[in-house]
Amino acid sequence: AAFGGAAGTICYLLVQDAGFGPVVS
C-alpha cells in the first residue's frame, strides 16, 4: 500500500508539472 501511495503521488506531481489539470493527473 505504501508503494502504491508513493507511486501515485510521484505520477500525479509529474503529470501536473507537464501542464495537465488535476482530473487528468
PDBML (XML) file of the C-alpha atoms, coordinates in Angstrom:
<?xml version="1.0" encoding="UTF-8" ?>
<PDBx:datablock datablockName="MODEL"
   xmlns:PDBx="http://pdbml.pdb.org/schema/pdbx-v50.xsd"
   xmlns:xsi="http://www.w3.org/2001/XMLSchema-instance"
   xsi:schemaLocation="http://pdbml.pdb.org/schema/pdbx-v50.xsd pdbx-v50.xsd">
   <PDBx:atom_siteCategory>
      <PDBx:atom_site id="1">
         <PDBx:B_iso_or_equiv>0.00</PDBx:B_iso_or_equiv>
         <PDBx:Cartn_x>0.000</PDBx:Cartn_x>
         <PDBx:Cartn_y>0.000</PDBx:Cartn_y>
         <PDBx:Cartn_z>0.000</PDBx:Cartn_z>
         <PDBx:auth_asym_id>A</PDBx:auth_asym_id>
         <PDBx:auth_atom_id>CA</PDBx:auth_atom_id>
         <PDBx:auth_comp_id>ALA</PDBx:auth_comp_id>
         <PDBx:auth_seq_id>1</PDBx:auth_seq_id>
         <PDBx:group_PDB>ATOM</PDBx:group_PDB>
         <PDBx:label_alt_id xsi:nil="true" />
         <PDBx:label_asym_id>A</PDBx:label_asym_id>
         <PDBx:label_atom_id>CA</PDBx:label_atom_id>
         <PDBx:label_comp_id>ALA</PDBx:label_comp_id>
         <PDBx:label_entity_id>1</PDBx:label_entity_id>
         <PDBx:label_seq_id>1</PDBx:label_seq_id>
         <PDBx:occupancy>1.00</PDBx:occupancy>
         <PDBx:pdbx_PDB_model_num>1</PDBx:pdbx_PDB_model_num>
         <PDBx:type_symbol>C</PDBx:type_symbol>
      </PDBx:atom_site>
      <PDBx:atom_site id="2">
         <PDBx:B_iso_or_equiv>0.00</PDBx:B_iso_or_equiv>
         <PDBx:Cartn_x>2.832</PDBx:Cartn_x>
         <PDBx:Cartn_y>2.425</PDBx:Cartn_y>
         <PDBx:Cartn_z>0.843</PDBx:Cartn_z>
         <PDBx:auth_asym_id>A</PDBx:auth_asym_id>
         <PDBx:auth_atom_id>CA</PDBx:auth_atom_id>
         <PDBx:auth_comp_id>ALA</PDBx:auth_comp_id>
         <PDBx:auth_seq_id>2</PDBx:auth_seq_id>
         <PDBx:group_PDB>ATOM</PDBx:group_PDB>
         <PDBx:label_alt_id xsi:nil="true" />
         <PDBx:label_asym_id>A</PDBx:label_asym_id>
         <PDBx:label_atom_id>CA</PDBx:label_atom_id>
         <PDBx:label_comp_id>ALA</PDBx:label_comp_id>
         <PDBx:label_entity_id>1</PDBx:label_entity_id>
         <PDBx:label_seq_id>2</PDBx:label_seq_id>
         <PDBx:occupancy>1.00</PDBx:occupancy>
         <PDBx:pdbx_PDB_model_num>1</PDBx:pdbx_PDB_model_num>
         <PDBx:type_symbol>C</PDBx:type_symbol>
      </PDBx:atom_site>
      <PDBx:atom_site id="3">
         <PDBx:B_iso_or_equiv>0.00</PDBx:B_iso_or_equiv>
         <PDBx:Cartn_x>4.499</PDBx:Cartn_x>
         <PDBx:Cartn_y>1.730</PDBx:Cartn_y>
         <PDBx:Cartn_z>-2.503</PDBx:Cartn_z>
         <PDBx:auth_asym_id>A</PDBx:auth_asym_id>
         <PDBx:auth_atom_id>CA</PDBx:auth_atom_id>
         <PDBx:auth_comp_id>PHE</PDBx:auth_comp_id>
         <PDBx:auth_seq_id>3</PDBx:auth_seq_id>
         <PDBx:group_PDB>ATOM</PDBx:group_PDB>
         <PDBx:label_alt_id xsi:nil="true" />
         <PDBx:label_asym_id>A</PDBx:label_asym_id>
         <PDBx:label_atom_id>CA</PDBx:label_atom_id>
         <PDBx:label_comp_id>PHE</PDBx:label_comp_id>
         <PDBx:label_entity_id>1</PDBx:label_entity_id>
         <PDBx:label_seq_id>3</PDBx:label_seq_id>
         <PDBx:occupancy>1.00</PDBx:occupancy>
         <PDBx:pdbx_PDB_model_num>1</PDBx:pdbx_PDB_model_num>
         <PDBx:type_symbol>C</PDBx:type_symbol>
      </PDBx:atom_site>
      <PDBx:atom_site id="4">
         <PDBx:B_iso_or_equiv>0.00</PDBx:B_iso_or_equiv>
         <PDBx:Cartn_x>1.213</PDBx:Cartn_x>
         <PDBx:Cartn_y>2.367</PDBx:Cartn_y>
         <PDBx:Cartn_z>-4.299</PDBx:Cartn_z>
         <PDBx:auth_asym_id>A</PDBx:auth_asym_id>
         <PDBx:auth_atom_id>CA</PDBx:auth_atom_id>
         <PDBx:auth_comp_id>GLY</PDBx:auth_comp_id>
         <PDBx:auth_seq_id>4</PDBx:auth_seq_id>
         <PDBx:group_PDB>ATOM</PDBx:group_PDB>
         <PDBx:label_alt_id xsi:nil="true" />
         <PDBx:label_asym_id>A</PDBx:label_asym_id>
         <PDBx:label_atom_id>CA</PDBx:label_atom_id>
         <PDBx:label_comp_id>GLY</PDBx:label_comp_id>
         <PDBx:label_entity_id>1</PDBx:label_entity_id>
         <PDBx:label_seq_id>4</PDBx:label_seq_id>
         <PDBx:occupancy>1.00</PDBx:occupancy>
         <PDBx:pdbx_PDB_model_num>1</PDBx:pdbx_PDB_model_num>
         <PDBx:type_symbol>C</PDBx:type_symbol>
      </PDBx:atom_site>
      <PDBx:atom_site id="5">
         <PDBx:B_iso_or_equiv>0.00</PDBx:B_iso_or_equiv>
         <PDBx:Cartn_x>0.750</PDBx:Cartn_x>
         <PDBx:Cartn_y>5.678</PDBx:Cartn_y>
         <PDBx:Cartn_z>-2.473</PDBx:Cartn_z>
         <PDBx:auth_asym_id>A</PDBx:auth_asym_id>
         <PDBx:auth_atom_id>CA</PDBx:auth_atom_id>
         <PDBx:auth_comp_id>GLY</PDBx:auth_comp_id>
         <PDBx:auth_seq_id>5</PDBx:auth_seq_id>
         <PDBx:group_PDB>ATOM</PDBx:group_PDB>
         <PDBx:label_alt_id xsi:nil="true" />
         <PDBx:label_asym_id>A</PDBx:label_asym_id>
         <PDBx:label_atom_id>CA</PDBx:label_atom_id>
         <PDBx:label_comp_id>GLY</PDBx:label_comp_id>
         <PDBx:label_entity_id>1</PDBx:label_entity_id>
         <PDBx:label_seq_id>5</PDBx:label_seq_id>
         <PDBx:occupancy>1.00</PDBx:occupancy>
         <PDBx:pdbx_PDB_model_num>1</PDBx:pdbx_PDB_model_num>
         <PDBx:type_symbol>C</PDBx:type_symbol>
      </PDBx:atom_site>
      <PDBx:atom_site id="6">
         <PDBx:B_iso_or_equiv>0.00</PDBx:B_iso_or_equiv>
         <PDBx:Cartn_x>4.290</PDBx:Cartn_x>
         <PDBx:Cartn_y>6.813</PDBx:Cartn_y>
         <PDBx:Cartn_z>-3.295</PDBx:Cartn_z>
         <PDBx:auth_asym_id>A</PDBx:auth_asym_id>
         <PDBx:auth_atom_id>CA</PDBx:auth_atom_id>
         <PDBx:auth_comp_id>ALA</PDBx:auth_comp_id>
         <PDBx:auth_seq_id>6</PDBx:auth_seq_id>
         <PDBx:group_PDB>ATOM</PDBx:group_PDB>
         <PDBx:label_alt_id xsi:nil="true" />
         <PDBx:label_asym_id>A</PDBx:label_asym_id>
         <PDBx:label_atom_id>CA</PDBx:label_atom_id>
         <PDBx:label_comp_id>ALA</PDBx:label_comp_id>
         <PDBx:label_entity_id>1</PDBx:label_entity_id>
         <PDBx:label_seq_id>6</PDBx:label_seq_id>
         <PDBx:occupancy>1.00</PDBx:occupancy>
         <PDBx:pdbx_PDB_model_num>1</PDBx:pdbx_PDB_model_num>
         <PDBx:type_symbol>C</PDBx:type_symbol>
      </PDBx:atom_site>
      <PDBx:atom_site id="7">
         <PDBx:B_iso_or_equiv>0.00</PDBx:B_iso_or_equiv>
         <PDBx:Cartn_x>3.985</PDBx:Cartn_x>
         <PDBx:Cartn_y>5.800</PDBx:Cartn_y>
         <PDBx:Cartn_z>-6.959</PDBx:Cartn_z>
         <PDBx:auth_asym_id>A</PDBx:auth_asym_id>
         <PDBx:auth_atom_id>CA</PDBx:auth_atom_id>
         <PDBx:auth_comp_id>ALA</PDBx:auth_comp_id>
         <PDBx:auth_seq_id>7</PDBx:auth_seq_id>
         <PDBx:group_PDB>ATOM</PDBx:group_PDB>
         <PDBx:label_alt_id xsi:nil="true" />
         <PDBx:label_asym_id>A</PDBx:label_asym_id>
         <PDBx:label_atom_id>CA</PDBx:label_atom_id>
         <PDBx:label_comp_id>ALA</PDBx:label_comp_id>
         <PDBx:label_entity_id>1</PDBx:label_entity_id>
         <PDBx:label_seq_id>7</PDBx:label_seq_id>
         <PDBx:occupancy>1.00</PDBx:occupancy>
         <PDBx:pdbx_PDB_model_num>1</PDBx:pdbx_PDB_model_num>
         <PDBx:type_symbol>C</PDBx:type_symbol>
      </PDBx:atom_site>
      <PDBx:atom_site id="8">
         <PDBx:B_iso_or_equiv>0.00</PDBx:B_iso_or_equiv>
         <PDBx:Cartn_x>0.654</PDBx:Cartn_x>
         <PDBx:Cartn_y>7.564</PDBx:Cartn_y>
         <PDBx:Cartn_z>-7.306</PDBx:Cartn_z>
         <PDBx:auth_asym_id>A</PDBx:auth_asym_id>
         <PDBx:auth_atom_id>CA</PDBx:auth_atom_id>
         <PDBx:auth_comp_id>GLY</PDBx:auth_comp_id>
         <PDBx:auth_seq_id>8</PDBx:auth_seq_id>
         <PDBx:group_PDB>ATOM</PDBx:group_PDB>
         <PDBx:label_alt_id xsi:nil="true" />
         <PDBx:label_asym_id>A</PDBx:label_asym_id>
         <PDBx:label_atom_id>CA</PDBx:label_atom_id>
         <PDBx:label_comp_id>GLY</PDBx:label_comp_id>
         <PDBx:label_entity_id>1</PDBx:label_entity_id>
         <PDBx:label_seq_id>8</PDBx:label_seq_id>
         <PDBx:occupancy>1.00</PDBx:occupancy>
         <PDBx:pdbx_PDB_model_num>1</PDBx:pdbx_PDB_model_num>
         <PDBx:type_symbol>C</PDBx:type_symbol>
      </PDBx:atom_site>
      <PDBx:atom_site id="9">
         <PDBx:B_iso_or_equiv>0.00</PDBx:B_iso_or_equiv>
         <PDBx:Cartn_x>1.954</PDBx:Cartn_x>
         <PDBx:Cartn_y>10.767</PDBx:Cartn_y>
         <PDBx:Cartn_z>-5.689</PDBx:Cartn_z>
         <PDBx:auth_asym_id>A</PDBx:auth_asym_id>
         <PDBx:auth_atom_id>CA</PDBx:auth_atom_id>
         <PDBx:auth_comp_id>THR</PDBx:auth_comp_id>
         <PDBx:auth_seq_id>9</PDBx:auth_seq_id>
         <PDBx:group_PDB>ATOM</PDBx:group_PDB>
         <PDBx:label_alt_id xsi:nil="true" />
         <PDBx:label_asym_id>A</PDBx:label_asym_id>
         <PDBx:label_atom_id>CA</PDBx:label_atom_id>
         <PDBx:label_comp_id>THR</PDBx:label_comp_id>
         <PDBx:label_entity_id>1</PDBx:label_entity_id>
         <PDBx:label_seq_id>9</PDBx:label_seq_id>
         <PDBx:occupancy>1.00</PDBx:occupancy>
         <PDBx:pdbx_PDB_model_num>1</PDBx:pdbx_PDB_model_num>
         <PDBx:type_symbol>C</PDBx:type_symbol>
      </PDBx:atom_site>
      <PDBx:atom_site id="10">
         <PDBx:B_iso_or_equiv>0.00</PDBx:B_iso_or_equiv>
         <PDBx:Cartn_x>5.032</PDBx:Cartn_x>
         <PDBx:Cartn_y>10.876</PDBx:Cartn_y>
         <PDBx:Cartn_z>-7.939</PDBx:Cartn_z>
         <PDBx:auth_asym_id>A</PDBx:auth_asym_id>
         <PDBx:auth_atom_id>CA</PDBx:auth_atom_id>
         <PDBx:auth_comp_id>ILE</PDBx:auth_comp_id>
         <PDBx:auth_seq_id>10</PDBx:auth_seq_id>
         <PDBx:group_PDB>ATOM</PDBx:group_PDB>
         <PDBx:label_alt_id xsi:nil="true" />
         <PDBx:label_asym_id>A</PDBx:label_asym_id>
         <PDBx:label_atom_id>CA</PDBx:label_atom_id>
         <PDBx:label_comp_id>ILE</PDBx:label_comp_id>
         <PDBx:label_entity_id>1</PDBx:label_entity_id>
         <PDBx:label_seq_id>10</PDBx:label_seq_id>
         <PDBx:occupancy>1.00</PDBx:occupancy>
         <PDBx:pdbx_PDB_model_num>1</PDBx:pdbx_PDB_model_num>
         <PDBx:type_symbol>C</PDBx:type_symbol>
      </PDBx:atom_site>
      <PDBx:atom_site id="11">
         <PDBx:B_iso_or_equiv>0.00</PDBx:B_iso_or_equiv>
         <PDBx:Cartn_x>2.961</PDBx:Cartn_x>
         <PDBx:Cartn_y>10.243</PDBx:Cartn_y>
         <PDBx:Cartn_z>-11.035</PDBx:Cartn_z>
         <PDBx:auth_asym_id>A</PDBx:auth_asym_id>
         <PDBx:auth_atom_id>CA</PDBx:auth_atom_id>
         <PDBx:auth_comp_id>CYS</PDBx:auth_comp_id>
         <PDBx:auth_seq_id>11</PDBx:auth_seq_id>
         <PDBx:group_PDB>ATOM</PDBx:group_PDB>
         <PDBx:label_alt_id xsi:nil="true" />
         <PDBx:label_asym_id>A</PDBx:label_asym_id>
         <PDBx:label_atom_id>CA</PDBx:label_atom_id>
         <PDBx:label_comp_id>CYS</PDBx:label_comp_id>
         <PDBx:label_entity_id>1</PDBx:label_entity_id>
         <PDBx:label_seq_id>11</PDBx:label_seq_id>
         <PDBx:occupancy>1.00</PDBx:occupancy>
         <PDBx:pdbx_PDB_model_num>1</PDBx:pdbx_PDB_model_num>
         <PDBx:type_symbol>C</PDBx:type_symbol>
      </PDBx:atom_site>
      <PDBx:atom_site id="12">
         <PDBx:B_iso_or_equiv>0.00</PDBx:B_iso_or_equiv>
         <PDBx:Cartn_x>0.398</PDBx:Cartn_x>
         <PDBx:Cartn_y>12.896</PDBx:Cartn_y>
         <PDBx:Cartn_z>-10.096</PDBx:Cartn_z>
         <PDBx:auth_asym_id>A</PDBx:auth_asym_id>
         <PDBx:auth_atom_id>CA</PDBx:auth_atom_id>
         <PDBx:auth_comp_id>TYR</PDBx:auth_comp_id>
         <PDBx:auth_seq_id>12</PDBx:auth_seq_id>
         <PDBx:group_PDB>ATOM</PDBx:group_PDB>
         <PDBx:label_alt_id xsi:nil="true" />
         <PDBx:label_asym_id>A</PDBx:label_asym_id>
         <PDBx:label_atom_id>CA</PDBx:label_atom_id>
         <PDBx:label_comp_id>TYR</PDBx:label_comp_id>
         <PDBx:label_entity_id>1</PDBx:label_entity_id>
         <PDBx:label_seq_id>12</PDBx:label_seq_id>
         <PDBx:occupancy>1.00</PDBx:occupancy>
         <PDBx:pdbx_PDB_model_num>1</PDBx:pdbx_PDB_model_num>
         <PDBx:type_symbol>C</PDBx:type_symbol>
      </PDBx:atom_site>
      <PDBx:atom_site id="13">
         <PDBx:B_iso_or_equiv>0.00</PDBx:B_iso_or_equiv>
         <PDBx:Cartn_x>3.017</PDBx:Cartn_x>
         <PDBx:Cartn_y>15.585</PDBx:Cartn_y>
         <PDBx:Cartn_z>-9.483</PDBx:Cartn_z>
         <PDBx:auth_asym_id>A</PDBx:auth_asym_id>
         <PDBx:auth_atom_id>CA</PDBx:auth_atom_id>
         <PDBx:auth_comp_id>LEU</PDBx:auth_comp_id>
         <PDBx:auth_seq_id>13</PDBx:auth_seq_id>
         <PDBx:group_PDB>ATOM</PDBx:group_PDB>
         <PDBx:label_alt_id xsi:nil="true" />
         <PDBx:label_asym_id>A</PDBx:label_asym_id>
         <PDBx:label_atom_id>CA</PDBx:label_atom_id>
         <PDBx:label_comp_id>LEU</PDBx:label_comp_id>
         <PDBx:label_entity_id>1</PDBx:label_entity_id>
         <PDBx:label_seq_id>13</PDBx:label_seq_id>
         <PDBx:occupancy>1.00</PDBx:occupancy>
         <PDBx:pdbx_PDB_model_num>1</PDBx:pdbx_PDB_model_num>
         <PDBx:type_symbol>C</PDBx:type_symbol>
      </PDBx:atom_site>
      <PDBx:atom_site id="14">
         <PDBx:B_iso_or_equiv>0.00</PDBx:B_iso_or_equiv>
         <PDBx:Cartn_x>4.948</PDBx:Cartn_x>
         <PDBx:Cartn_y>14.813</PDBx:Cartn_y>
         <PDBx:Cartn_z>-12.670</PDBx:Cartn_z>
         <PDBx:auth_asym_id>A</PDBx:auth_asym_id>
         <PDBx:auth_atom_id>CA</PDBx:auth_atom_id>
         <PDBx:auth_comp_id>LEU</PDBx:auth_comp_id>
         <PDBx:auth_seq_id>14</PDBx:auth_seq_id>
         <PDBx:group_PDB>ATOM</PDBx:group_PDB>
         <PDBx:label_alt_id xsi:nil="true" />
         <PDBx:label_asym_id>A</PDBx:label_asym_id>
         <PDBx:label_atom_id>CA</PDBx:label_atom_id>
         <PDBx:label_comp_id>LEU</PDBx:label_comp_id>
         <PDBx:label_entity_id>1</PDBx:label_entity_id>
         <PDBx:label_seq_id>14</PDBx:label_seq_id>
         <PDBx:occupancy>1.00</PDBx:occupancy>
         <PDBx:pdbx_PDB_model_num>1</PDBx:pdbx_PDB_model_num>
         <PDBx:type_symbol>C</PDBx:type_symbol>
      </PDBx:atom_site>
      <PDBx:atom_site id="15">
         <PDBx:B_iso_or_equiv>0.00</PDBx:B_iso_or_equiv>
         <PDBx:Cartn_x>1.843</PDBx:Cartn_x>
         <PDBx:Cartn_y>14.823</PDBx:Cartn_y>
         <PDBx:Cartn_z>-14.882</PDBx:Cartn_z>
         <PDBx:auth_asym_id>A</PDBx:auth_asym_id>
         <PDBx:auth_atom_id>CA</PDBx:auth_atom_id>
         <PDBx:auth_comp_id>VAL</PDBx:auth_comp_id>
         <PDBx:auth_seq_id>15</PDBx:auth_seq_id>
         <PDBx:group_PDB>ATOM</PDBx:group_PDB>
         <PDBx:label_alt_id xsi:nil="true" />
         <PDBx:label_asym_id>A</PDBx:label_asym_id>
         <PDBx:label_atom_id>CA</PDBx:label_atom_id>
         <PDBx:label_comp_id>VAL</PDBx:label_comp_id>
         <PDBx:label_entity_id>1</PDBx:label_entity_id>
         <PDBx:label_seq_id>15</PDBx:label_seq_id>
         <PDBx:occupancy>1.00</PDBx:occupancy>
         <PDBx:pdbx_PDB_model_num>1</PDBx:pdbx_PDB_model_num>
         <PDBx:type_symbol>C</PDBx:type_symbol>
      </PDBx:atom_site>
      <PDBx:atom_site id="16">
         <PDBx:B_iso_or_equiv>0.00</PDBx:B_iso_or_equiv>
         <PDBx:Cartn_x>0.631</PDBx:Cartn_x>
         <PDBx:Cartn_y>18.051</PDBx:Cartn_y>
         <PDBx:Cartn_z>-13.285</PDBx:Cartn_z>
         <PDBx:auth_asym_id>A</PDBx:auth_asym_id>
         <PDBx:auth_atom_id>CA</PDBx:auth_atom_id>
         <PDBx:auth_comp_id>GLN</PDBx:auth_comp_id>
         <PDBx:auth_seq_id>16</PDBx:auth_seq_id>
         <PDBx:group_PDB>ATOM</PDBx:group_PDB>
         <PDBx:label_alt_id xsi:nil="true" />
         <PDBx:label_asym_id>A</PDBx:label_asym_id>
         <PDBx:label_atom_id>CA</PDBx:label_atom_id>
         <PDBx:label_comp_id>GLN</PDBx:label_comp_id>
         <PDBx:label_entity_id>1</PDBx:label_entity_id>
         <PDBx:label_seq_id>16</PDBx:label_seq_id>
         <PDBx:occupancy>1.00</PDBx:occupancy>
         <PDBx:pdbx_PDB_model_num>1</PDBx:pdbx_PDB_model_num>
         <PDBx:type_symbol>C</PDBx:type_symbol>
      </PDBx:atom_site>
      <PDBx:atom_site id="17">
         <PDBx:B_iso_or_equiv>0.00</PDBx:B_iso_or_equiv>
         <PDBx:Cartn_x>4.019</PDBx:Cartn_x>
         <PDBx:Cartn_y>19.689</PDBx:Cartn_y>
         <PDBx:Cartn_z>-13.876</PDBx:Cartn_z>
         <PDBx:auth_asym_id>A</PDBx:auth_asym_id>
         <PDBx:auth_atom_id>CA</PDBx:auth_atom_id>
         <PDBx:auth_comp_id>ASP</PDBx:auth_comp_id>
         <PDBx:auth_seq_id>17</PDBx:auth_seq_id>
         <PDBx:group_PDB>ATOM</PDBx:group_PDB>
         <PDBx:label_alt_id xsi:nil="true" />
         <PDBx:label_asym_id>A</PDBx:label_asym_id>
         <PDBx:label_atom_id>CA</PDBx:label_atom_id>
         <PDBx:label_comp_id>ASP</PDBx:label_comp_id>
         <PDBx:label_entity_id>1</PDBx:label_entity_id>
         <PDBx:label_seq_id>17</PDBx:label_seq_id>
         <PDBx:occupancy>1.00</PDBx:occupancy>
         <PDBx:pdbx_PDB_model_num>1</PDBx:pdbx_PDB_model_num>
         <PDBx:type_symbol>C</PDBx:type_symbol>
      </PDBx:atom_site>
      <PDBx:atom_site id="18">
         <PDBx:B_iso_or_equiv>0.00</PDBx:B_iso_or_equiv>
         <PDBx:Cartn_x>3.736</PDBx:Cartn_x>
         <PDBx:Cartn_y>18.648</PDBx:Cartn_y>
         <PDBx:Cartn_z>-17.519</PDBx:Cartn_z>
         <PDBx:auth_asym_id>A</PDBx:auth_asym_id>
         <PDBx:auth_atom_id>CA</PDBx:auth_atom_id>
         <PDBx:auth_comp_id>ALA</PDBx:auth_comp_id>
         <PDBx:auth_seq_id>18</PDBx:auth_seq_id>
         <PDBx:group_PDB>ATOM</PDBx:group_PDB>
         <PDBx:label_alt_id xsi:nil="true" />
         <PDBx:label_asym_id>A</PDBx:label_asym_id>
         <PDBx:label_atom_id>CA</PDBx:label_atom_id>
         <PDBx:label_comp_id>ALA</PDBx:label_comp_id>
         <PDBx:label_entity_id>1</PDBx:label_entity_id>
         <PDBx:label_seq_id>18</PDBx:label_seq_id>
         <PDBx:occupancy>1.00</PDBx:occupancy>
         <PDBx:pdbx_PDB_model_num>1</PDBx:pdbx_PDB_model_num>
         <PDBx:type_symbol>C</PDBx:type_symbol>
      </PDBx:atom_site>
      <PDBx:atom_site id="19">
         <PDBx:B_iso_or_equiv>0.00</PDBx:B_iso_or_equiv>
         <PDBx:Cartn_x>0.782</PDBx:Cartn_x>
         <PDBx:Cartn_y>21.032</PDBx:Cartn_y>
         <PDBx:Cartn_z>-17.813</PDBx:Cartn_z>
         <PDBx:auth_asym_id>A</PDBx:auth_asym_id>
         <PDBx:auth_atom_id>CA</PDBx:auth_atom_id>
         <PDBx:auth_comp_id>GLY</PDBx:auth_comp_id>
         <PDBx:auth_seq_id>19</PDBx:auth_seq_id>
         <PDBx:group_PDB>ATOM</PDBx:group_PDB>
         <PDBx:label_alt_id xsi:nil="true" />
         <PDBx:label_asym_id>A</PDBx:label_asym_id>
         <PDBx:label_atom_id>CA</PDBx:label_atom_id>
         <PDBx:label_comp_id>GLY</PDBx:label_comp_id>
         <PDBx:label_entity_id>1</PDBx:label_entity_id>
         <PDBx:label_seq_id>19</PDBx:label_seq_id>
         <PDBx:occupancy>1.00</PDBx:occupancy>
         <PDBx:pdbx_PDB_model_num>1</PDBx:pdbx_PDB_model_num>
         <PDBx:type_symbol>C</PDBx:type_symbol>
      </PDBx:atom_site>
      <PDBx:atom_site id="20">
         <PDBx:B_iso_or_equiv>0.00</PDBx:B_iso_or_equiv>
         <PDBx:Cartn_x>-2.228</PDBx:Cartn_x>
         <PDBx:Cartn_y>18.773</PDBx:Cartn_y>
         <PDBx:Cartn_z>-17.292</PDBx:Cartn_z>
         <PDBx:auth_asym_id>A</PDBx:auth_asym_id>
         <PDBx:auth_atom_id>CA</PDBx:auth_atom_id>
         <PDBx:auth_comp_id>PHE</PDBx:auth_comp_id>
         <PDBx:auth_seq_id>20</PDBx:auth_seq_id>
         <PDBx:group_PDB>ATOM</PDBx:group_PDB>
         <PDBx:label_alt_id xsi:nil="true" />
         <PDBx:label_asym_id>A</PDBx:label_asym_id>
         <PDBx:label_atom_id>CA</PDBx:label_atom_id>
         <PDBx:label_comp_id>PHE</PDBx:label_comp_id>
         <PDBx:label_entity_id>1</PDBx:label_entity_id>
         <PDBx:label_seq_id>20</PDBx:label_seq_id>
         <PDBx:occupancy>1.00</PDBx:occupancy>
         <PDBx:pdbx_PDB_model_num>1</PDBx:pdbx_PDB_model_num>
         <PDBx:type_symbol>C</PDBx:type_symbol>
      </PDBx:atom_site>
      <PDBx:atom_site id="21">
         <PDBx:B_iso_or_equiv>0.00</PDBx:B_iso_or_equiv>
         <PDBx:Cartn_x>-5.071</PDBx:Cartn_x>
         <PDBx:Cartn_y>19.556</PDBx:Cartn_y>
         <PDBx:Cartn_z>-14.917</PDBx:Cartn_z>
         <PDBx:auth_asym_id>A</PDBx:auth_asym_id>
         <PDBx:auth_atom_id>CA</PDBx:auth_atom_id>
         <PDBx:auth_comp_id>GLY</PDBx:auth_comp_id>
         <PDBx:auth_seq_id>21</PDBx:auth_seq_id>
         <PDBx:group_PDB>ATOM</PDBx:group_PDB>
         <PDBx:label_alt_id xsi:nil="true" />
         <PDBx:label_asym_id>A</PDBx:label_asym_id>
         <PDBx:label_atom_id>CA</PDBx:label_atom_id>
         <PDBx:label_comp_id>GLY</PDBx:label_comp_id>
         <PDBx:label_entity_id>1</PDBx:label_entity_id>
         <PDBx:label_seq_id>21</PDBx:label_seq_id>
         <PDBx:occupancy>1.00</PDBx:occupancy>
         <PDBx:pdbx_PDB_model_num>1</PDBx:pdbx_PDB_model_num>
         <PDBx:type_symbol>C</PDBx:type_symbol>
      </PDBx:atom_site>
      <PDBx:atom_site id="22">
         <PDBx:B_iso_or_equiv>0.00</PDBx:B_iso_or_equiv>
         <PDBx:Cartn_x>-5.966</PDBx:Cartn_x>
         <PDBx:Cartn_y>17.747</PDBx:Cartn_y>
         <PDBx:Cartn_z>-11.697</PDBx:Cartn_z>
         <PDBx:auth_asym_id>A</PDBx:auth_asym_id>
         <PDBx:auth_atom_id>CA</PDBx:auth_atom_id>
         <PDBx:auth_comp_id>PRO</PDBx:auth_comp_id>
         <PDBx:auth_seq_id>22</PDBx:auth_seq_id>
         <PDBx:group_PDB>ATOM</PDBx:group_PDB>
         <PDBx:label_alt_id xsi:nil="true" />
         <PDBx:label_asym_id>A</PDBx:label_asym_id>
         <PDBx:label_atom_id>CA</PDBx:label_atom_id>
         <PDBx:label_comp_id>PRO</PDBx:label_comp_id>
         <PDBx:label_entity_id>1</PDBx:label_entity_id>
         <PDBx:label_seq_id>22</PDBx:label_seq_id>
         <PDBx:occupancy>1.00</PDBx:occupancy>
         <PDBx:pdbx_PDB_model_num>1</PDBx:pdbx_PDB_model_num>
         <PDBx:type_symbol>C</PDBx:type_symbol>
      </PDBx:atom_site>
      <PDBx:atom_site id="23">
         <PDBx:B_iso_or_equiv>0.00</PDBx:B_iso_or_equiv>
         <PDBx:Cartn_x>-8.519</PDBx:Cartn_x>
         <PDBx:Cartn_y>15.428</PDBx:Cartn_y>
         <PDBx:Cartn_z>-13.337</PDBx:Cartn_z>
         <PDBx:auth_asym_id>A</PDBx:auth_asym_id>
         <PDBx:auth_atom_id>CA</PDBx:auth_atom_id>
         <PDBx:auth_comp_id>VAL</PDBx:auth_comp_id>
         <PDBx:auth_seq_id>23</PDBx:auth_seq_id>
         <PDBx:group_PDB>ATOM</PDBx:group_PDB>
         <PDBx:label_alt_id xsi:nil="true" />
         <PDBx:label_asym_id>A</PDBx:label_asym_id>
         <PDBx:label_atom_id>CA</PDBx:label_atom_id>
         <PDBx:label_comp_id>VAL</PDBx:label_comp_id>
         <PDBx:label_entity_id>1</PDBx:label_entity_id>
         <PDBx:label_seq_id>23</PDBx:label_seq_id>
         <PDBx:occupancy>1.00</PDBx:occupancy>
         <PDBx:pdbx_PDB_model_num>1</PDBx:pdbx_PDB_model_num>
         <PDBx:type_symbol>C</PDBx:type_symbol>
      </PDBx:atom_site>
      <PDBx:atom_site id="24">
         <PDBx:B_iso_or_equiv>0.00</PDBx:B_iso_or_equiv>
         <PDBx:Cartn_x>-6.101</PDBx:Cartn_x>
         <PDBx:Cartn_y>14.085</PDBx:Cartn_y>
         <PDBx:Cartn_z>-15.952</PDBx:Cartn_z>
         <PDBx:auth_asym_id>A</PDBx:auth_asym_id>
         <PDBx:auth_atom_id>CA</PDBx:auth_atom_id>
         <PDBx:auth_comp_id>VAL</PDBx:auth_comp_id>
         <PDBx:auth_seq_id>24</PDBx:auth_seq_id>
         <PDBx:group_PDB>ATOM</PDBx:group_PDB>
         <PDBx:label_alt_id xsi:nil="true" />
         <PDBx:label_asym_id>A</PDBx:label_asym_id>
         <PDBx:label_atom_id>CA</PDBx:label_atom_id>
         <PDBx:label_comp_id>VAL</PDBx:label_comp_id>
         <PDBx:label_entity_id>1</PDBx:label_entity_id>
         <PDBx:label_seq_id>24</PDBx:label_seq_id>
         <PDBx:occupancy>1.00</PDBx:occupancy>
         <PDBx:pdbx_PDB_model_num>1</PDBx:pdbx_PDB_model_num>
         <PDBx:type_symbol>C</PDBx:type_symbol>
      </PDBx:atom_site>
      <PDBx:atom_site id="25">
         <PDBx:B_iso_or_equiv>0.00</PDBx:B_iso_or_equiv>
         <PDBx:Cartn_x>-3.273</PDBx:Cartn_x>
         <PDBx:Cartn_y>13.945</PDBx:Cartn_y>
         <PDBx:Cartn_z>-13.410</PDBx:Cartn_z>
         <PDBx:auth_asym_id>A</PDBx:auth_asym_id>
         <PDBx:auth_atom_id>CA</PDBx:auth_atom_id>
         <PDBx:auth_comp_id>SER</PDBx:auth_comp_id>
         <PDBx:auth_seq_id>25</PDBx:auth_seq_id>
         <PDBx:group_PDB>ATOM</PDBx:group_PDB>
         <PDBx:label_alt_id xsi:nil="true" />
         <PDBx:label_asym_id>A</PDBx:label_asym_id>
         <PDBx:label_atom_id>CA</PDBx:label_atom_id>
         <PDBx:label_comp_id>SER</PDBx:label_comp_id>
         <PDBx:label_entity_id>1</PDBx:label_entity_id>
         <PDBx:label_seq_id>25</PDBx:label_seq_id>
         <PDBx:occupancy>1.00</PDBx:occupancy>
         <PDBx:pdbx_PDB_model_num>1</PDBx:pdbx_PDB_model_num>
         <PDBx:type_symbol>C</PDBx:type_symbol>
      </PDBx:atom_site>
   </PDBx:atom_siteCategory>
</PDBx:datablock>
